[in-house]
Amino acid sequence: MRLVVTGATGNVGTSLLTLLAADPAVSAIVGVARRRPSWENPKTSWVQADVRHDDLDAIFAGADAVVHLAWLIQPSRELELIREVNVDGSRRVFEAAARAGVPTLVHASSVGTYSKGPKDSRVSEEWPSEGIPTSFYSRHKAEAERILDRVERAHPAMRVVRLRPGLIFKREAASGIRRLFVGPLLPSPLVRTQLIAGVPLHPRLRVQALHSLDVADAYRRAVMTPDARGAYNVAAEPVLDGHELARLLGARPVPVNAGVLRAATTAAYKLRLQPTPAGWLDLALGVPLLDCTRARVELGWEPRHSASDALLELLDGLRDSAGFPTPPLDRGTGGPLRVREFLTGIGRLS
């Protein structure tokens, strides 16, 4: 099989390429990225391309499957640019795959595509997927799925799969995740479980997560399972809430008011102390918990890491400034002493 992966240098892309290279059914992998990495992966050739404007038809020609992972989270203060990549870029990928006659298209959706839902029970893939309105990430994921719906209806011969994972962690993504969500002001040595005295406790602050290699395995199975179609929820146990985090970190759960937490997040964002707008908090409070039965039954998927272990691995990586030799994940992308992050403006580095 010849596979094309957009966004191949990110958290999930690097894990997926690693798994695909080890699969004897895969003969060739084309990794598509805006910036060519120094990383060399078996069976993999690199194409430097931007999903917003470069010719994708030629890249996809002859592919047995396209996996679309390319997505922007930063620069969060440039929403027009982010929408061009996330929504318009996704449309260009979907339409190019259809024109090229690609048999299988697998799209990286998210738990973020879901509308507000329960935190005390699990929802299937049938739950409404209109997103959380105050989160640009959620809006874009929902918009991309509506475009995918139209492309799928227009090209019924193309097998279309969309995965909806929870939060995705791995050690090697730590530097990239810090740049995206925390910013340059947090000293890495302070990310120690012994130094975390309290964790927020709120009945709706309950999220699901999984290891990057586990979600990559779900993508691999989606490609390789010929009958797989439609949406699949993927997440590991346990649910991460204030009580579980307190147990995991040896900290105290501290009850918080959602309005106060949102106001503090907004103030820190406006003061450029951190790069994460309050829509991310709204997303965490709003999206439902996922029932992953369909992925387990139809894809034979089972996570090898618990959500807790994946989080601890990420925290260890944050403490050690861990990275990976691709531009989105490299520990040096922010420059010496993170100077590039400061010079470009917190919430602007992409």
Foldseek 3Di string as FASTA:
>chain_A
DEEEEEPLQAQLNVLLLQVLLVDPVYQAYEYEECDDFPDDGPRYDYDHDALLDDDCLVVLAPHQEYEYDDADLFLQVCLVVRLSRLQVSLLSNLVSNVVNVHQEYEYEAALQQAFFDDAVDADEPPGHRCGDVVASNSNSSVNSVVSVVVSCVVRVSRAYEYEHEWAEFALQQQLLVCLNWPFLPDQLQCLALVNAAEDEADSLLKTFYAYSNQVSLLVVLCSVQVPDHYYFYDTFDDIDGRVVSCVLSVHHYDYDDLVVVQVVQCVCCVVLNAQDHSSVVVSSSGRYHHDRVCSCVRSVGDGPDHRSVRVVNSSVSSNVLHHDRDLSTDSCNCHVSSVVCVVCTHSHDD
